[in-house]
Amino acid sequence: MAVDEREARTAPATIRTRGRAHVVLPAYNEAESLPPLLRRIAEVARTEQITAWVVDDGSSDGTAECAHGVSGVDVRVVRHPVNLGLGQAVQSGLRAVLEVADPDDLVVVMDADDTHDPALITALRAEIAAGADVVICSRFVEGGDDATAPAFRRLLSRGAAVLFRRVLDVDGVRDFTSGFRAYRVSLLARAAKHWGERLVEERGFACMVELLLKLRHCRPVITEVPLTLRYDRKQGPSKLKLRRTIAQYLRLLMRDRLAPAPYRPL
């Protein structure tokens, strides 16, 4: 639903953001893809306030060193000594940002394999400034496209979208598994204050759905903008394991059903 359709749930004007965009890039062995992606982010940084946070998740190919070699954008590196998985990389990136960010800033999480277009950061900021708390770059709204992705990934993302839309009560979401999103910092800070280190518990791709499920207790305004997935730019093999990811989704749904909601409004 469009932002202007939800005036009653829109954030007060005092916390609408024009602040810095903190771009979290969870990266595992992305030495080939990371430099061109950071150069694209540097292009956007000519007109946007951006800090890129590369979370090197125990890479063995020099990913962290590549991150320091790109000029034109403020790049900071968070390192895991061993590979902990996508979920913990996202958790480390969010935690690092929340330690320094202002409430008026936004956090953008995107894949580090250069399949996401940083030019969308401007559209994400506009949605946040208009009152959204979470903005999802969606393959499943008008203008979205994932035709360059392998068939099994397209089938998984569509199946997950149908399942989660039917089972979960999260308003405004069509693309539950997209890894390209923006969050209002003040929303993440409220959620992190409640869940602490348990804000992201999943280790794999299910972490993106888990974060949405927990944030829904904060009653966020969620919108989507069209995403054209550029899987044709991806270097190296996919890290998504089909059976493992399906099992993670199913366990997450079961855990969400069994877990009690927060005892007080967040």
Protein backbone atom coordinates (compact mmCIF):
# COMPACT_ATOMS: atom_id res chain seq x y z
CA MET A 1 0.00 0.00 0.00
CA ALA A 2 1.21 3.51 -0.77
CA VAL A 3 2.56 5.69 1.99
CA ASP A 4 -0.13 8.37 1.59
CA GLU A 5 -2.82 5.71 2.19
CA ARG A 6 -1.67 5.16 5.75
CA GLU A 7 -1.70 8.55 7.34
CA ALA A 8 -2.97 7.20 10.66
CA ARG A 9 0.10 4.98 11.05
CA THR A 10 2.60 7.38 9.54
CA ALA A 11 5.53 8.42 11.72
CA PRO A 12 5.49 11.95 13.14
CA ALA A 13 7.18 14.60 11.02
CA THR A 14 9.83 15.12 13.72
CA ILE A 15 11.41 11.73 12.99
CA ARG A 16 11.12 11.71 9.21
CA THR A 17 14.61 11.23 7.88
CA ARG A 18 16.96 13.15 5.65
CA GLY A 19 19.91 11.69 7.54
CA ARG A 20 22.77 9.42 6.50
CA ALA A 21 22.17 6.11 4.73
CA HIS A 22 24.17 3.30 6.38
CA VAL A 23 24.52 0.55 3.77
CA VAL A 24 25.17 -2.87 5.34
CA LEU A 25 26.83 -5.38 2.99
CA PRO A 26 27.11 -8.91 4.45
CA ALA A 27 29.94 -10.45 2.41
CA TYR A 28 31.42 -13.92 2.23
CA ASN A 29 34.08 -14.43 -0.44
CA GLU A 30 32.90 -11.50 -2.56
CA ALA A 31 36.33 -10.15 -3.57
CA GLU A 32 35.31 -10.06 -7.25
CA SER A 33 31.85 -8.55 -6.81
CA LEU A 34 32.51 -6.08 -4.00
CA PRO A 35 34.76 -3.50 -5.78
CA PRO A 36 32.31 -2.83 -8.67
CA LEU A 37 29.43 -2.64 -6.18
CA LEU A 38 31.30 -0.14 -3.98
CA ARG A 39 32.10 1.94 -7.06
CA ARG A 40 28.36 2.05 -7.87
CA ILE A 41 27.66 3.09 -4.28
CA ALA A 42 30.35 5.79 -4.60
CA GLU A 43 28.46 7.16 -7.62
CA VAL A 44 25.31 7.45 -5.49
CA ALA A 45 27.38 9.01 -2.66
CA ARG A 46 28.00 12.04 -4.87
CA THR A 47 24.48 13.20 -4.03
CA GLU A 48 23.62 11.14 -0.92
CA GLN A 49 25.20 10.91 2.55
CA ILE A 50 26.33 7.28 2.62
CA THR A 51 28.50 5.08 4.81
CA ALA A 52 29.08 1.53 3.54
CA TRP A 53 29.53 -1.16 6.20
CA VAL A 54 31.15 -4.30 4.79
CA VAL A 55 30.71 -7.27 7.12
CA ASP A 56 33.42 -9.72 6.09
CA ASP A 57 31.98 -13.04 7.26
CA GLY A 58 35.19 -15.07 7.54
CA SER A 59 36.14 -14.77 3.88
CA SER A 60 39.27 -16.48 2.56
CA ASP A 61 39.60 -14.52 -0.69
CA GLY A 62 40.64 -11.07 0.55
CA THR A 63 37.14 -9.55 0.63
CA ALA A 64 38.03 -7.14 3.46
CA GLU A 65 41.16 -5.89 1.69
CA CYS A 66 39.13 -5.22 -1.48
CA ALA A 67 36.68 -3.13 0.55
CA HIS A 68 39.44 -0.71 1.55
CA GLY A 69 40.58 -0.18 -2.03
CA VAL A 70 37.60 1.85 -3.30
CA SER A 71 37.55 5.64 -3.04
CA GLY A 72 34.63 8.08 -3.16
CA VAL A 73 32.61 6.59 -0.30
CA ASP A 74 33.12 6.14 3.45
CA VAL A 75 33.75 2.38 3.85
CA ARG A 76 34.00 0.65 7.21
CA VAL A 77 34.74 -3.04 7.70
CA VAL A 78 33.42 -5.38 10.38
CA ARG A 79 35.17 -8.74 10.45
CA HIS A 80 34.16 -12.19 11.59
CA PRO A 81 37.23 -14.40 12.17
CA VAL A 82 35.20 -17.41 10.93
CA ASN A 83 32.16 -17.80 8.71
CA LEU A 84 28.99 -17.45 10.83
CA GLY A 85 26.39 -17.25 8.07
CA LEU A 86 24.26 -14.51 6.51
CA GLY A 87 22.07 -13.97 9.57
CA GLN A 88 24.93 -13.26 11.94
CA ALA A 89 26.60 -11.04 9.34
CA VAL A 90 23.41 -8.96 9.13
CA GLN A 91 23.20 -8.90 12.93
CA SER A 92 26.82 -7.66 13.23
CA GLY A 93 26.22 -4.98 10.61
CA LEU A 94 23.04 -3.69 12.27
CA ARG A 95 24.69 -3.68 15.69
CA ALA A 96 27.69 -1.70 14.38
CA VAL A 97 25.42 0.87 12.71
CA LEU A 98 23.16 1.31 15.74
CA GLU A 99 26.20 2.15 17.89
CA VAL A 100 26.91 5.29 15.83
CA ALA A 101 23.76 6.19 13.87
CA ASP A 102 21.43 9.09 14.60
CA PRO A 103 17.69 8.41 14.99
CA ASP A 104 17.14 10.37 11.77
CA ASP A 105 19.37 8.00 9.73
CA LEU A 106 18.31 4.95 7.74
CA VAL A 107 19.87 1.50 7.40
CA VAL A 108 19.97 -0.15 3.98
CA VAL A 109 20.79 -3.86 3.81
CA MET A 110 21.71 -5.22 0.40
CA ASP A 111 23.54 -8.20 -1.09
CA ALA A 112 27.28 -7.81 -1.67
CA ASP A 113 27.27 -9.83 -4.90
CA ASP A 114 26.45 -6.78 -7.10
CA THR A 115 22.98 -8.04 -8.06
CA HIS A 116 21.26 -5.03 -6.40
CA ASP A 117 21.34 -1.52 -7.85
CA PRO A 118 22.52 1.11 -5.31
CA ALA A 119 20.71 3.79 -7.33
CA LEU A 120 17.56 2.61 -5.53
CA ILE A 121 18.93 4.07 -2.27
CA THR A 122 17.50 7.44 -3.34
CA ALA A 123 14.03 5.90 -3.76
CA LEU A 124 14.35 4.11 -0.40
CA ARG A 125 15.25 7.37 1.34
CA ALA A 126 12.26 9.09 -0.26
CA GLU A 127 9.89 6.39 1.05
CA ILE A 128 11.36 6.65 4.55
CA ALA A 129 11.14 10.45 4.43
CA ALA A 130 7.48 10.12 3.36
CA GLY A 131 6.66 8.09 6.48
CA ALA A 132 7.59 4.46 5.84
CA ASP A 133 9.53 2.60 8.54
CA VAL A 134 10.56 -0.35 6.34
CA VAL A 135 10.94 -0.26 2.56
CA ILE A 136 11.42 -3.48 0.60
CA CYS A 137 12.92 -3.60 -2.89
CA SER A 138 10.40 -5.99 -4.39
CA ARG A 139 10.50 -8.28 -7.38
CA PHE A 140 6.77 -8.81 -7.15
CA VAL A 141 5.29 -5.34 -7.61
CA GLU A 142 4.64 -3.63 -10.93
CA GLY A 143 8.02 -2.74 -12.46
CA GLY A 144 9.88 -5.45 -10.52
CA ASP A 145 11.77 -8.17 -12.40
CA ASP A 146 13.90 -11.22 -11.52
CA ALA A 147 14.14 -12.76 -14.99
CA THR A 148 17.95 -13.02 -14.78
CA ALA A 149 17.83 -15.30 -11.70
CA PRO A 150 18.06 -19.10 -12.00
CA ALA A 151 14.76 -20.95 -12.21
CA PHE A 152 15.15 -22.64 -8.80
CA ARG A 153 15.69 -19.31 -7.05
CA ARG A 154 12.67 -17.77 -8.78
CA LEU A 155 10.55 -20.76 -7.81
CA LEU A 156 11.73 -20.61 -4.18
CA SER A 157 11.12 -16.87 -3.79
CA ARG A 158 7.65 -17.11 -5.34
CA GLY A 159 6.69 -20.14 -3.27
CA ALA A 160 7.90 -18.43 -0.10
CA ALA A 161 5.98 -15.27 -0.98
CA VAL A 162 2.72 -17.20 -1.43
CA LEU A 163 3.26 -19.17 1.79
CA PHE A 164 4.17 -16.18 3.96
CA ARG A 165 1.35 -14.00 2.59
CA ARG A 166 -1.17 -16.70 3.51
CA VAL A 167 0.26 -17.59 6.91
CA LEU A 168 1.64 -14.34 8.28
CA ASP A 169 -0.13 -11.14 9.23
CA VAL A 170 2.34 -8.58 7.88
CA ASP A 171 0.63 -5.76 6.04
CA GLY A 172 2.15 -4.22 2.91
CA VAL A 173 4.59 -7.04 2.01
CA ARG A 174 4.67 -9.02 -1.26
CA ASP A 175 8.37 -9.90 -1.35
CA PHE A 176 9.20 -11.42 2.04
CA THR A 177 12.62 -12.80 1.08
CA SER A 178 14.20 -9.82 -0.67
CA GLY A 179 17.62 -9.02 0.78
CA PHE A 180 17.49 -5.38 -0.33
CA ARG A 181 15.64 -3.22 2.20
CA ALA A 182 15.74 0.02 4.14
CA TYR A 183 14.86 0.47 7.80
CA ARG A 184 14.33 3.60 9.85
CA VAL A 185 17.08 3.62 12.51
CA SER A 186 14.67 4.53 15.32
CA LEU A 187 12.58 1.44 14.48
CA LEU A 188 15.58 -0.90 14.59
CA ALA A 189 16.74 0.69 17.85
CA ARG A 190 13.37 -0.03 19.48
CA ALA A 191 13.46 -3.62 18.30
CA ALA A 192 17.10 -4.13 19.33
CA LYS A 193 16.34 -2.76 22.79
CA HIS A 194 13.72 -5.50 23.25
CA TRP A 195 15.42 -8.48 21.56
CA GLY A 196 19.09 -7.60 22.06
CA GLU A 197 21.35 -10.30 20.62
CA ARG A 198 18.24 -12.29 19.64
CA LEU A 199 17.10 -9.72 17.06
CA VAL A 200 18.52 -11.99 14.36
CA GLU A 201 18.84 -15.65 15.37
CA GLU A 202 18.68 -17.36 11.98
CA ARG A 203 22.06 -18.06 10.39
CA GLY A 204 20.93 -18.38 6.77
CA PHE A 205 18.65 -16.67 4.24
CA ALA A 206 15.61 -16.98 6.54
CA CYS A 207 17.05 -14.10 8.58
CA MET A 208 15.35 -11.55 6.33
CA VAL A 209 11.91 -13.04 7.06
CA GLU A 210 12.76 -13.36 10.75
CA LEU A 211 13.58 -9.65 10.97
CA LEU A 212 10.24 -8.73 9.40
CA LEU A 213 8.37 -11.00 11.83
CA LYS A 214 10.01 -9.37 14.84
CA LEU A 215 9.65 -5.82 13.54
CA ARG A 216 5.92 -6.33 12.94
CA HIS A 217 5.43 -6.13 16.71
CA CYS A 218 6.57 -2.48 16.42
CA ARG A 219 3.65 -1.88 14.02
CA PRO A 220 5.84 -0.41 11.25
CA VAL A 221 4.61 1.20 8.07
CA ILE A 222 5.98 -1.04 5.29
CA THR A 223 6.13 -0.13 1.62
CA GLU A 224 7.72 -1.68 -1.45
CA VAL A 225 9.53 -0.23 -4.46
CA PRO A 226 10.21 -2.15 -7.71
CA LEU A 227 13.47 -4.12 -7.88
CA THR A 228 15.11 -5.28 -11.10
CA LEU A 229 17.39 -8.07 -9.93
CA ARG A 230 20.72 -8.06 -11.84
CA TYR A 231 21.69 -11.70 -11.32
CA ASP A 232 23.58 -11.51 -14.63
CA ARG A 233 26.23 -9.41 -12.82
CA LYS A 234 26.84 -12.04 -10.14
CA GLN A 235 30.40 -13.43 -9.92
CA GLY A 236 30.81 -16.98 -8.63
CA PRO A 237 28.30 -19.61 -7.53
CA SER A 238 25.17 -18.99 -5.47
CA LYS A 239 25.49 -19.51 -1.70
CA LEU A 240 21.80 -20.40 -1.36
CA LYS A 241 21.20 -24.06 -0.48
CA LEU A 242 17.66 -24.92 -1.58
CA ARG A 243 16.72 -27.69 0.86
CA ARG A 244 18.43 -26.03 3.80
CA THR A 245 16.69 -22.72 3.11
CA ILE A 246 13.24 -24.35 2.79
CA ALA A 247 13.84 -26.14 6.11
CA GLN A 248 14.88 -22.84 7.71
CA TYR A 249 11.69 -21.14 6.48
CA LEU A 250 9.50 -23.91 7.89
CA ARG A 251 11.30 -23.91 11.27
CA LEU A 252 10.98 -20.15 11.43
CA LEU A 253 7.23 -20.32 10.83
CA MET A 254 6.83 -22.95 13.54
CA ARG A 255 8.93 -20.96 16.00
CA ASP A 256 6.94 -17.81 15.25
CA ARG A 257 3.70 -19.67 15.98
CA LEU A 258 4.97 -20.99 19.29
CA ALA A 259 6.78 -17.86 20.52
CA PRO A 260 4.72 -15.44 22.63
CA ALA A 261 4.31 -11.88 21.42
CA PRO A 262 6.11 -9.15 23.42
CA TYR A 263 4.29 -8.53 26.70
CA ARG A 264 4.19 -4.78 26.09
CA PRO A 265 3.96 -2.52 22.99
CA LEU A 266 7.35 -1.88 21.38
